[in-house]
Amino acid sequence: SRSIQHPLDPIIATLTLTGLKENSEVRIFTRDAFGNSDVELSGNETVTGGMFDYTYTYESPLPVNIVVVNNEYQHWTLENYVLGDDDATIPVQQIVDRQFSV
């Protein structure tokens, strides 16, 4: 953990999502201070290249919800993922949505 090694330096960490289908939309949310509503931390409406990076300054463990949307694939959601003080990579496997029609 970097917070133990250098406790006074700001800690910059990156969450990377990999395996994303072209033109997927990614959103990362947390709850407001009262736990009443979602606050968007980051997002991109048209991911290309199969990856999405969210770089943040770590202050304390922060639970987030991650949503990946693409009309040709089932929505992918990861709830209560905790952003920590180290870089992390999450592989995403999007499943074809057989109900979608062009």
PDB file of N, CA and C in Angstrom:
ATOM      1  N   SER A   1       0.833  -1.186   0.000  1.00  0.00           N
ATOM      2  CA  SER A   1       0.000   0.000   0.000  1.00  0.00           C
ATOM      3  C   SER A   1       0.876   1.247   0.000  1.00  0.00           C
ATOM      4  N   ARG A   2       0.607   2.129  -0.926  1.00  0.00           N
ATOM      5  CA  ARG A   2       1.432   3.337  -1.038  1.00  0.00           C
ATOM      6  C   ARG A   2       1.200   4.322   0.099  1.00  0.00           C
ATOM      7  N   SER A   3       0.019   4.290   0.727  1.00  0.00           N
ATOM      8  CA  SER A   3      -0.252   5.239   1.810  1.00  0.00           C
ATOM      9  C   SER A   3       0.623   4.945   3.030  1.00  0.00           C
ATOM     10  N   ILE A   4       1.048   3.716   3.199  1.00  0.00           N
ATOM     11  CA  ILE A   4       1.932   3.370   4.308  1.00  0.00           C
ATOM     12  C   ILE A   4       3.369   3.761   3.991  1.00  0.00           C
ATOM     13  N   GLN A   5       3.802   3.586   2.749  1.00  0.00           N
ATOM     14  CA  GLN A   5       5.177   3.867   2.348  1.00  0.00           C
ATOM     15  C   GLN A   5       5.494   5.352   2.370  1.00  0.00           C
ATOM     16  N   HIS A   6       4.586   6.186   1.914  1.00  0.00           N
ATOM     17  CA  HIS A   6       4.798   7.637   1.821  1.00  0.00           C
ATOM     18  C   HIS A   6       3.547   8.356   2.330  1.00  0.00           C
ATOM     19  N   PRO A   7       3.350   8.431   3.624  1.00  0.00           N
ATOM     20  CA  PRO A   7       2.073   8.915   4.162  1.00  0.00           C
ATOM     21  C   PRO A   7       1.751  10.377   3.894  1.00  0.00           C
ATOM     22  N   LEU A   8       2.735  11.235   3.560  1.00  0.00           N
ATOM     23  CA  LEU A   8       2.441  12.652   3.348  1.00  0.00           C
ATOM     24  C   LEU A   8       2.282  13.035   1.883  1.00  0.00           C
ATOM     25  N   ASP A   9       2.727  12.178   0.983  1.00  0.00           N
ATOM     26  CA  ASP A   9       2.602  12.472  -0.443  1.00  0.00           C
ATOM     27  C   ASP A   9       1.174  12.206  -0.912  1.00  0.00           C
ATOM     28  N   PRO A  10       0.642  13.063  -1.815  1.00  0.00           N
ATOM     29  CA  PRO A  10      -0.673  12.742  -2.390  1.00  0.00           C
ATOM     30  C   PRO A  10      -0.564  11.435  -3.171  1.00  0.00           C
ATOM     31  N   ILE A  11      -1.574  10.631  -3.063  1.00  0.00           N
ATOM     32  CA  ILE A  11      -1.566   9.333  -3.732  1.00  0.00           C
ATOM     33  C   ILE A  11      -2.473   9.411  -4.952  1.00  0.00           C
ATOM     34  N   ILE A  12      -1.869   9.217  -6.104  1.00  0.00           N
ATOM     35  CA  ILE A  12      -2.610   9.198  -7.360  1.00  0.00           C
ATOM     36  C   ILE A  12      -2.708   7.736  -7.797  1.00  0.00           C
ATOM     37  N   ALA A  13      -3.916   7.278  -8.019  1.00  0.00           N
ATOM     38  CA  ALA A  13      -4.143   5.894  -8.437  1.00  0.00           C
ATOM     39  C   ALA A  13      -5.016   5.882  -9.685  1.00  0.00           C
ATOM     40  N   THR A  14      -4.953   4.785 -10.421  1.00  0.00           N
ATOM     41  CA  THR A  14      -5.742   4.651 -11.642  1.00  0.00           C
ATOM     42  C   THR A  14      -6.496   3.335 -11.631  1.00  0.00           C
ATOM     43  N   LEU A  15      -7.789   3.422 -11.912  1.00  0.00           N
ATOM     44  CA  LEU A  15      -8.619   2.253 -12.148  1.00  0.00           C
ATOM     45  C   LEU A  15      -8.755   2.102 -13.655  1.00  0.00           C
ATOM     46  N   THR A  16      -8.408   0.929 -14.170  1.00  0.00           N
ATOM     47  CA  THR A  16      -8.488   0.671 -15.605  1.00  0.00           C
ATOM     48  C   THR A  16      -9.499  -0.429 -15.870  1.00  0.00           C
ATOM     49  N   LEU A  17     -10.423  -0.175 -16.783  1.00  0.00           N
ATOM     50  CA  LEU A  17     -11.347  -1.196 -17.267  1.00  0.00           C
ATOM     51  C   LEU A  17     -10.834  -1.668 -18.613  1.00  0.00           C
ATOM     52  N   THR A  18     -10.725  -2.970 -18.807  1.00  0.00           N
ATOM     53  CA  THR A  18     -10.233  -3.518 -20.075  1.00  0.00           C
ATOM     54  C   THR A  18     -11.297  -4.415 -20.694  1.00  0.00           C
ATOM     55  N   GLY A  19     -11.119  -4.740 -21.979  1.00  0.00           N
ATOM     56  CA  GLY A  19     -12.022  -5.637 -22.676  1.00  0.00           C
ATOM     57  C   GLY A  19     -13.316  -4.995 -23.116  1.00  0.00           C
ATOM     58  N   LEU A  20     -13.363  -3.665 -23.126  1.00  0.00           N
ATOM     59  CA  LEU A  20     -14.593  -2.958 -23.496  1.00  0.00           C
ATOM     60  C   LEU A  20     -14.848  -3.026 -24.998  1.00  0.00           C
ATOM     61  N   LYS A  21     -16.107  -3.216 -25.362  1.00  0.00           N
ATOM     62  CA  LYS A  21     -16.496  -3.202 -26.773  1.00  0.00           C
ATOM     63  C   LYS A  21     -16.508  -1.759 -27.272  1.00  0.00           C
ATOM     64  N   GLU A  22     -16.201  -1.593 -28.549  1.00  0.00           N
ATOM     65  CA  GLU A  22     -16.165  -0.255 -29.159  1.00  0.00           C
ATOM     66  C   GLU A  22     -17.485   0.473 -28.936  1.00  0.00           C
ATOM     67  N   ASN A  23     -17.380   1.768 -28.667  1.00  0.00           N
ATOM     68  CA  ASN A  23     -18.524   2.662 -28.478  1.00  0.00           C
ATOM     69  C   ASN A  23     -19.361   2.355 -27.239  1.00  0.00           C
ATOM     70  N   SER A  24     -18.777   1.681 -26.265  1.00  0.00           N
ATOM     71  CA  SER A  24     -19.466   1.480 -24.992  1.00  0.00           C
ATOM     72  C   SER A  24     -19.412   2.767 -24.188  1.00  0.00           C
ATOM     73  N   GLU A  25     -20.394   2.941 -23.328  1.00  0.00           N
ATOM     74  CA  GLU A  25     -20.431   4.076 -22.410  1.00  0.00           C
ATOM     75  C   GLU A  25     -20.067   3.570 -21.022  1.00  0.00           C
ATOM     76  N   VAL A  26     -19.178   4.295 -20.342  1.00  0.00           N
ATOM     77  CA  VAL A  26     -18.749   3.928 -18.993  1.00  0.00           C
ATOM     78  C   VAL A  26     -19.099   5.070 -18.049  1.00  0.00           C
ATOM     79  N   ARG A  27     -19.637   4.717 -16.879  1.00  0.00           N
ATOM     80  CA  ARG A  27     -19.921   5.705 -15.832  1.00  0.00           C
ATOM     81  C   ARG A  27     -19.469   5.122 -14.490  1.00  0.00           C
ATOM     82  N   ILE A  28     -18.848   5.974 -13.679  1.00  0.00           N
ATOM     83  CA  ILE A  28     -18.460   5.598 -12.322  1.00  0.00           C
ATOM     84  C   ILE A  28     -19.158   6.556 -11.369  1.00  0.00           C
ATOM     85  N   PHE A  29     -19.916   5.968 -10.421  1.00  0.00           N
ATOM     86  CA  PHE A  29     -20.710   6.757  -9.481  1.00  0.00           C
ATOM     87  C   PHE A  29     -20.332   6.418  -8.042  1.00  0.00           C
ATOM     88  N   THR A  30     -20.533   7.381  -7.157  1.00  0.00           N
ATOM     89  CA  THR A  30     -20.504   7.134  -5.721  1.00  0.00           C
ATOM     90  C   THR A  30     -21.745   7.775  -5.135  1.00  0.00           C
ATOM     91  N   ARG A  31     -21.990   7.561  -3.865  1.00  0.00           N
ATOM     92  CA  ARG A  31     -23.147   8.167  -3.203  1.00  0.00           C
ATOM     93  C   ARG A  31     -22.751   9.518  -2.625  1.00  0.00           C
ATOM     94  N   ASP A  32     -23.715  10.427  -2.516  1.00  0.00           N
ATOM     95  CA  ASP A  32     -23.419  11.722  -1.891  1.00  0.00           C
ATOM     96  C   ASP A  32     -23.187  11.523  -0.394  1.00  0.00           C
ATOM     97  N   ALA A  33     -22.808  12.584   0.285  1.00  0.00           N
ATOM     98  CA  ALA A  33     -22.454  12.500   1.707  1.00  0.00           C
ATOM     99  C   ALA A  33     -23.593  11.967   2.574  1.00  0.00           C
ATOM    100  N   PHE A  34     -24.825  12.120   2.107  1.00  0.00           N
ATOM    101  CA  PHE A  34     -25.984  11.657   2.862  1.00  0.00           C
ATOM    102  C   PHE A  34     -26.461  10.276   2.414  1.00  0.00           C
ATOM    103  N   GLY A  35     -25.817   9.735   1.368  1.00  0.00           N
ATOM    104  CA  GLY A  35     -26.218   8.425   0.863  1.00  0.00           C
ATOM    105  C   GLY A  35     -27.517   8.432   0.098  1.00  0.00           C
ATOM    106  N   ASN A  36     -27.936   9.615  -0.356  1.00  0.00           N
ATOM    107  CA  ASN A  36     -29.244   9.740  -0.997  1.00  0.00           C
ATOM    108  C   ASN A  36     -29.229   9.647  -2.512  1.00  0.00           C
ATOM    109  N   SER A  37     -28.163  10.108  -3.153  1.00  0.00           N
ATOM    110  CA  SER A  37     -28.180  10.134  -4.608  1.00  0.00           C
ATOM    111  C   SER A  37     -26.798   9.831  -5.155  1.00  0.00           C
ATOM    112  N   ASP A  38     -26.780   9.438  -6.423  1.00  0.00           N
ATOM    113  CA  ASP A  38     -25.522   9.131  -7.090  1.00  0.00           C
ATOM    114  C   ASP A  38     -24.807  10.400  -7.510  1.00  0.00           C
ATOM    115  N   VAL A  39     -23.495  10.382  -7.372  1.00  0.00           N
ATOM    116  CA  VAL A  39     -22.641  11.466  -7.836  1.00  0.00           C
ATOM    117  C   VAL A  39     -21.694  10.854  -8.865  1.00  0.00           C
ATOM    118  N   GLU A  40     -21.713  11.390 -10.084  1.00  0.00           N
ATOM    119  CA  GLU A  40     -20.837  10.851 -11.117  1.00  0.00           C
ATOM    120  C   GLU A  40     -19.414  11.345 -10.892  1.00  0.00           C
ATOM    121  N   LEU A  41     -18.485  10.400 -10.826  1.00  0.00           N
ATOM    122  CA  LEU A  41     -17.075  10.734 -10.668  1.00  0.00           C
ATOM    123  C   LEU A  41     -16.361  10.830 -12.004  1.00  0.00           C
ATOM    124  N   SER A  42     -16.780   9.986 -12.946  1.00  0.00           N
ATOM    125  CA  SER A  42     -16.122   9.963 -14.248  1.00  0.00           C
ATOM    126  C   SER A  42     -17.004   9.234 -15.241  1.00  0.00           C
ATOM    127  N   GLY A  43     -16.726   9.450 -16.518  1.00  0.00           N
ATOM    128  CA  GLY A  43     -17.471   8.742 -17.547  1.00  0.00           C
ATOM    129  C   GLY A  43     -16.999   9.100 -18.934  1.00  0.00           C
ATOM    130  N   ASN A  44     -17.408   8.270 -19.877  1.00  0.00           N
ATOM    131  CA  ASN A  44     -17.102   8.485 -21.283  1.00  0.00           C
ATOM    132  C   ASN A  44     -18.223   7.847 -22.080  1.00  0.00           C
ATOM    133  N   GLU A  45     -18.811   8.610 -23.002  1.00  0.00           N
ATOM    134  CA  GLU A  45     -19.953   8.105 -23.769  1.00  0.00           C
ATOM    135  C   GLU A  45     -19.558   7.174 -24.903  1.00  0.00           C
ATOM    136  N   THR A  46     -18.363   7.289 -25.418  1.00  0.00           N
ATOM    137  CA  THR A  46     -17.964   6.461 -26.556  1.00  0.00           C
ATOM    138  C   THR A  46     -16.521   5.992 -26.393  1.00  0.00           C
ATOM    139  N   VAL A  47     -16.360   4.931 -25.618  1.00  0.00           N
ATOM    140  CA  VAL A  47     -15.028   4.368 -25.395  1.00  0.00           C
ATOM    141  C   VAL A  47     -14.541   3.688 -26.667  1.00  0.00           C
ATOM    142  N   THR A  48     -13.307   3.965 -27.037  1.00  0.00           N
ATOM    143  CA  THR A  48     -12.665   3.282 -28.153  1.00  0.00           C
ATOM    144  C   THR A  48     -11.347   2.693 -27.652  1.00  0.00           C
ATOM    145  N   GLY A  49     -10.856   1.707 -28.349  1.00  0.00           N
ATOM    146  CA  GLY A  49      -9.589   1.104 -27.968  1.00  0.00           C
ATOM    147  C   GLY A  49      -9.704   0.056 -26.879  1.00  0.00           C
ATOM    148  N   GLY A  50     -10.921  -0.229 -26.412  1.00  0.00           N
ATOM    149  CA  GLY A  50     -11.127  -1.317 -25.473  1.00  0.00           C
ATOM    150  C   GLY A  50     -10.774  -1.040 -24.026  1.00  0.00           C
ATOM    151  N   MET A  51     -10.332   0.205 -23.706  1.00  0.00           N
ATOM    152  CA  MET A  51      -9.928   0.512 -22.338  1.00  0.00           C
ATOM    153  C   MET A  51     -10.503   1.838 -21.877  1.00  0.00           C
ATOM    154  N   PHE A  52     -10.682   1.929 -20.556  1.00  0.00           N
ATOM    155  CA  PHE A  52     -11.108   3.171 -19.926  1.00  0.00           C
ATOM    156  C   PHE A  52     -10.300   3.326 -18.647  1.00  0.00           C
ATOM    157  N   ASP A  53      -9.687   4.501 -18.463  1.00  0.00           N
ATOM    158  CA  ASP A  53      -8.907   4.799 -17.263  1.00  0.00           C
ATOM    159  C   ASP A  53      -9.591   5.886 -16.453  1.00  0.00           C
ATOM    160  N   TYR A  54      -9.644   5.674 -15.149  1.00  0.00           N
ATOM    161  CA  TYR A  54     -10.105   6.699 -14.217  1.00  0.00           C
ATOM    162  C   TYR A  54      -8.978   6.932 -13.212  1.00  0.00           C
ATOM    163  N   THR A  55      -8.375   8.112 -13.279  1.00  0.00           N
ATOM    164  CA  THR A  55      -7.286   8.470 -12.377  1.00  0.00           C
ATOM    165  C   THR A  55      -7.848   9.384 -11.296  1.00  0.00           C
ATOM    166  N   TYR A  56      -7.496   9.092 -10.054  1.00  0.00           N
ATOM    167  CA  TYR A  56      -8.059   9.836  -8.926  1.00  0.00           C
ATOM    168  C   TYR A  56      -7.001  10.036  -7.849  1.00  0.00           C
ATOM    169  N   THR A  57      -7.250  11.013  -6.996  1.00  0.00           N
ATOM    170  CA  THR A  57      -6.416  11.233  -5.825  1.00  0.00           C
ATOM    171  C   THR A  57      -7.051  10.486  -4.665  1.00  0.00           C
ATOM    172  N   TYR A  58      -6.309   9.546  -4.102  1.00  0.00           N
ATOM    173  CA  TYR A  58      -6.817   8.723  -3.008  1.00  0.00           C
ATOM    174  C   TYR A  58      -6.792   9.503  -1.706  1.00  0.00           C
ATOM    175  N   GLU A  59      -7.918   9.510  -0.995  1.00  0.00           N
ATOM    176  CA  GLU A  59      -7.995  10.108   0.337  1.00  0.00           C
ATOM    177  C   GLU A  59      -8.372   9.067   1.377  1.00  0.00           C
ATOM    178  N   SER A  60      -9.294   8.188   1.018  1.00  0.00           N
ATOM    179  CA  SER A  60      -9.717   7.084   1.876  1.00  0.00           C
ATOM    180  C   SER A  60     -10.452   6.090   0.969  1.00  0.00           C
ATOM    181  N   PRO A  61     -10.652   4.849   1.432  1.00  0.00           N
ATOM    182  CA  PRO A  61     -11.381   3.887   0.601  1.00  0.00           C
ATOM    183  C   PRO A  61     -12.755   4.446   0.223  1.00  0.00           C
ATOM    184  N   LEU A  62     -13.093   4.327  -1.057  1.00  0.00           N
ATOM    185  CA  LEU A  62     -14.346   4.907  -1.551  1.00  0.00           C
ATOM    186  C   LEU A  62     -15.117   3.867  -2.357  1.00  0.00           C
ATOM    187  N   PRO A  63     -16.301   3.442  -1.880  1.00  0.00           N
ATOM    188  CA  PRO A  63     -17.105   2.509  -2.667  1.00  0.00           C
ATOM    189  C   PRO A  63     -17.755   3.214  -3.858  1.00  0.00           C
ATOM    190  N   VAL A  64     -17.682   2.552  -5.018  1.00  0.00           N
ATOM    191  CA  VAL A  64     -18.262   3.116  -6.237  1.00  0.00           C
ATOM    192  C   VAL A  64     -19.069   2.037  -6.951  1.00  0.00           C
ATOM    193  N   ASN A  65     -19.949   2.497  -7.827  1.00  0.00           N
ATOM    194  CA  ASN A  65     -20.670   1.626  -8.748  1.00  0.00           C
ATOM    195  C   ASN A  65     -20.169   1.949 -10.146  1.00  0.00           C
ATOM    196  N   ILE A  66     -19.859   0.907 -10.904  1.00  0.00           N
ATOM    197  CA  ILE A  66     -19.342   1.065 -12.258  1.00  0.00           C
ATOM    198  C   ILE A  66     -20.368   0.478 -13.217  1.00  0.00           C
ATOM    199  N   VAL A  67     -20.724   1.248 -14.246  1.00  0.00           N
ATOM    200  CA  VAL A  67     -21.733   0.810 -15.212  1.00  0.00           C
ATOM    201  C   VAL A  67     -21.145   0.931 -16.611  1.00  0.00           C
ATOM    202  N   VAL A  68     -21.319  -0.129 -17.413  1.00  0.00           N
ATOM    203  CA  VAL A  68     -20.907  -0.122 -18.814  1.00  0.00           C
ATOM    204  C   VAL A  68     -22.150  -0.416 -19.647  1.00  0.00           C
ATOM    205  N   VAL A  69     -22.432   0.478 -20.606  1.00  0.00           N
ATOM    206  CA  VAL A  69     -23.630   0.353 -21.434  1.00  0.00           C
ATOM    207  C   VAL A  69     -23.239   0.382 -22.906  1.00  0.00           C
ATOM    208  N   ASN A  70     -23.812  -0.555 -23.657  1.00  0.00           N
ATOM    209  CA  ASN A  70     -23.686  -0.584 -25.112  1.00  0.00           C
ATOM    210  C   ASN A  70     -24.946  -1.283 -25.598  1.00  0.00           C
ATOM    211  N   ASN A  71     -25.704  -0.643 -26.473  1.00  0.00           N
ATOM    212  CA  ASN A  71     -27.006  -1.177 -26.882  1.00  0.00           C
ATOM    213  C   ASN A  71     -26.948  -2.590 -27.447  1.00  0.00           C
ATOM    214  N   GLU A  72     -25.805  -3.005 -27.965  1.00  0.00           N
ATOM    215  CA  GLU A  72     -25.691  -4.338 -28.555  1.00  0.00           C
ATOM    216  C   GLU A  72     -25.326  -5.401 -27.514  1.00  0.00           C
ATOM    217  N   TYR A  73     -25.066  -4.968 -26.275  1.00  0.00           N
ATOM    218  CA  TYR A  73     -24.627  -5.883 -25.213  1.00  0.00           C
ATOM    219  C   TYR A  73     -25.452  -5.640 -23.954  1.00  0.00           C
ATOM    220  N   GLN A  74     -25.548  -6.665 -23.119  1.00  0.00           N
ATOM    221  CA  GLN A  74     -26.240  -6.505 -21.848  1.00  0.00           C
ATOM    222  C   GLN A  74     -25.474  -5.496 -20.990  1.00  0.00           C
ATOM    223  N   HIS A  75     -26.211  -4.719 -20.206  1.00  0.00           N
ATOM    224  CA  HIS A  75     -25.559  -3.759 -19.313  1.00  0.00           C
ATOM    225  C   HIS A  75     -24.679  -4.519 -18.336  1.00  0.00           C
ATOM    226  N   TRP A  76     -23.499  -3.964 -18.073  1.00  0.00           N
ATOM    227  CA  TRP A  76     -22.544  -4.567 -17.140  1.00  0.00           C
ATOM    228  C   TRP A  76     -22.426  -3.631 -15.948  1.00  0.00           C
ATOM    229  N   THR A  77     -22.611  -4.168 -14.750  1.00  0.00           N
ATOM    230  CA  THR A  77     -22.564  -3.345 -13.542  1.00  0.00           C
ATOM    231  C   THR A  77     -21.714  -4.035 -12.484  1.00  0.00           C
ATOM    232  N   LEU A  78     -20.899  -3.239 -11.810  1.00  0.00           N
ATOM    233  CA  LEU A  78     -20.139  -3.708 -10.650  1.00  0.00           C
ATOM    234  C   LEU A  78     -20.460  -2.747  -9.518  1.00  0.00           C
ATOM    235  N   GLU A  79     -21.127  -3.253  -8.489  1.00  0.00           N
ATOM    236  CA  GLU A  79     -21.565  -2.400  -7.382  1.00  0.00           C
ATOM    237  C   GLU A  79     -20.631  -2.523  -6.188  1.00  0.00           C
ATOM    238  N   ASN A  80     -20.470  -1.408  -5.504  1.00  0.00           N
ATOM    239  CA  ASN A  80     -19.688  -1.346  -4.256  1.00  0.00           C
ATOM    240  C   ASN A  80     -18.237  -1.769  -4.422  1.00  0.00           C
ATOM    241  N   TYR A  81     -17.661  -1.484  -5.583  1.00  0.00           N
ATOM    242  CA  TYR A  81     -16.227  -1.700  -5.764  1.00  0.00           C
ATOM    243  C   TYR A  81     -15.503  -0.597  -4.982  1.00  0.00           C
ATOM    244  N   VAL A  82     -14.500  -0.950  -4.212  1.00  0.00           N
ATOM    245  CA  VAL A  82     -13.821   0.034  -3.373  1.00  0.00           C
ATOM    246  C   VAL A  82     -12.540   0.510  -4.048  1.00  0.00           C
ATOM    247  N   LEU A  83     -12.502   1.823  -4.341  1.00  0.00           N
ATOM    248  CA  LEU A  83     -11.290   2.427  -4.878  1.00  0.00           C
ATOM    249  C   LEU A  83     -10.268   2.529  -3.753  1.00  0.00           C
ATOM    250  N   GLY A  84      -9.085   2.001  -3.990  1.00  0.00           N
ATOM    251  CA  GLY A  84      -8.047   2.004  -2.972  1.00  0.00           C
ATOM    252  C   GLY A  84      -6.876   2.887  -3.347  1.00  0.00           C
ATOM    253  N   ASP A  85      -5.774   2.696  -2.641  1.00  0.00           N
ATOM    254  CA  ASP A  85      -4.607   3.547  -2.843  1.00  0.00           C
ATOM    255  C   ASP A  85      -3.604   2.960  -3.825  1.00  0.00           C
ATOM    256  N   ASP A  86      -3.971   1.893  -4.511  1.00  0.00           N
ATOM    257  CA  ASP A  86      -3.118   1.293  -5.540  1.00  0.00           C
ATOM    258  C   ASP A  86      -3.871   1.244  -6.864  1.00  0.00           C
ATOM    259  N   ASP A  87      -3.119   1.198  -7.958  1.00  0.00           N
ATOM    260  CA  ASP A  87      -3.721   1.024  -9.275  1.00  0.00           C
ATOM    261  C   ASP A  87      -4.434  -0.327  -9.327  1.00  0.00           C
ATOM    262  N   ALA A  88      -5.505  -0.389 -10.113  1.00  0.00           N
ATOM    263  CA  ALA A  88      -6.250  -1.645 -10.261  1.00  0.00           C
ATOM    264  C   ALA A  88      -6.762  -1.762 -11.685  1.00  0.00           C
ATOM    265  N   THR A  89      -6.896  -2.997 -12.141  1.00  0.00           N
ATOM    266  CA  THR A  89      -7.443  -3.283 -13.464  1.00  0.00           C
ATOM    267  C   THR A  89      -8.594  -4.262 -13.311  1.00  0.00           C
ATOM    268  N   ILE A  90      -9.702  -3.947 -13.977  1.00  0.00           N
ATOM    269  CA  ILE A  90     -10.874  -4.821 -13.961  1.00  0.00           C
ATOM    270  C   ILE A  90     -11.167  -5.249 -15.397  1.00  0.00           C
ATOM    271  N   PRO A  91     -11.102  -6.544 -15.677  1.00  0.00           N
ATOM    272  CA  PRO A  91     -11.499  -7.018 -17.012  1.00  0.00           C
ATOM    273  C   PRO A  91     -13.021  -7.071 -17.113  1.00  0.00           C
ATOM    274  N   VAL A  92     -13.559  -6.534 -18.191  1.00  0.00           N
ATOM    275  CA  VAL A  92     -15.010  -6.499 -18.406  1.00  0.00           C
ATOM    276  C   VAL A  92     -15.343  -7.459 -19.543  1.00  0.00           C
ATOM    277  N   GLN A  93     -16.326  -8.310 -19.318  1.00  0.00           N
ATOM    278  CA  GLN A  93     -16.803  -9.202 -20.370  1.00  0.00           C
ATOM    279  C   GLN A  93     -18.251  -8.848 -20.667  1.00  0.00           C
ATOM    280  N   GLN A  94     -18.453  -8.200 -21.814  1.00  0.00           N
ATOM    281  CA  GLN A  94     -19.800  -7.802 -22.210  1.00  0.00           C
ATOM    282  C   GLN A  94     -20.441  -8.939 -23.005  1.00  0.00           C
ATOM    283  N   ILE A  95     -21.680  -9.256 -22.648  1.00  0.00           N
ATOM    284  CA  ILE A  95     -22.412 -10.355 -23.277  1.00  0.00           C
ATOM    285  C   ILE A  95     -23.384  -9.784 -24.303  1.00  0.00           C
ATOM    286  N   VAL A  96     -23.404 -10.390 -25.487  1.00  0.00           N
ATOM    287  CA  VAL A  96     -24.296  -9.936 -26.560  1.00  0.00           C
ATOM    288  C   VAL A  96     -25.727  -9.935 -26.052  1.00  0.00           C
ATOM    289  N   ASP A  97     -26.457  -8.847 -26.350  1.00  0.00           N
ATOM    290  CA  ASP A  97     -27.861  -8.723 -25.977  1.00  0.00           C
ATOM    291  C   ASP A  97     -28.700  -9.260 -27.130  1.00  0.00           C
ATOM    292  N   ARG A  98     -29.238 -10.434 -26.953  1.00  0.00           N
ATOM    293  CA  ARG A  98     -30.015 -11.071 -28.036  1.00  0.00           C
ATOM    294  C   ARG A  98     -31.345 -10.398 -28.266  1.00  0.00           C
ATOM    295  N   GLN A  99     -31.785  -9.524 -27.347  1.00  0.00           N
ATOM    296  CA  GLN A  99     -33.051  -8.820 -27.489  1.00  0.00           C
ATOM    297  C   GLN A  99     -32.904  -7.534 -28.298  1.00  0.00           C
ATOM    298  N   PHE A 100     -31.644  -7.089 -28.498  1.00  0.00           N
ATOM    299  CA  PHE A 100     -31.416  -5.840 -29.216  1.00  0.00           C
ATOM    300  C   PHE A 100     -31.638  -6.047 -30.707  1.00  0.00           C
ATOM    301  N   SER A 101     -32.337  -5.113 -31.330  1.00  0.00           N
ATOM    302  CA  SER A 101     -32.493  -5.151 -32.784  1.00  0.00           C
ATOM    303  C   SER A 101     -32.236  -3.766 -33.346  1.00  0.00           C
ATOM    304  N   VAL A 102     -31.594  -3.727 -34.471  1.00  0.00           N
ATOM    305  CA  VAL A 102     -31.217  -2.454 -35.089  1.00  0.00           C
ATOM    306  C   VAL A 102     -32.396  -1.825 -35.764  1.00  0.00           C
TER     307      VAL A 102
END
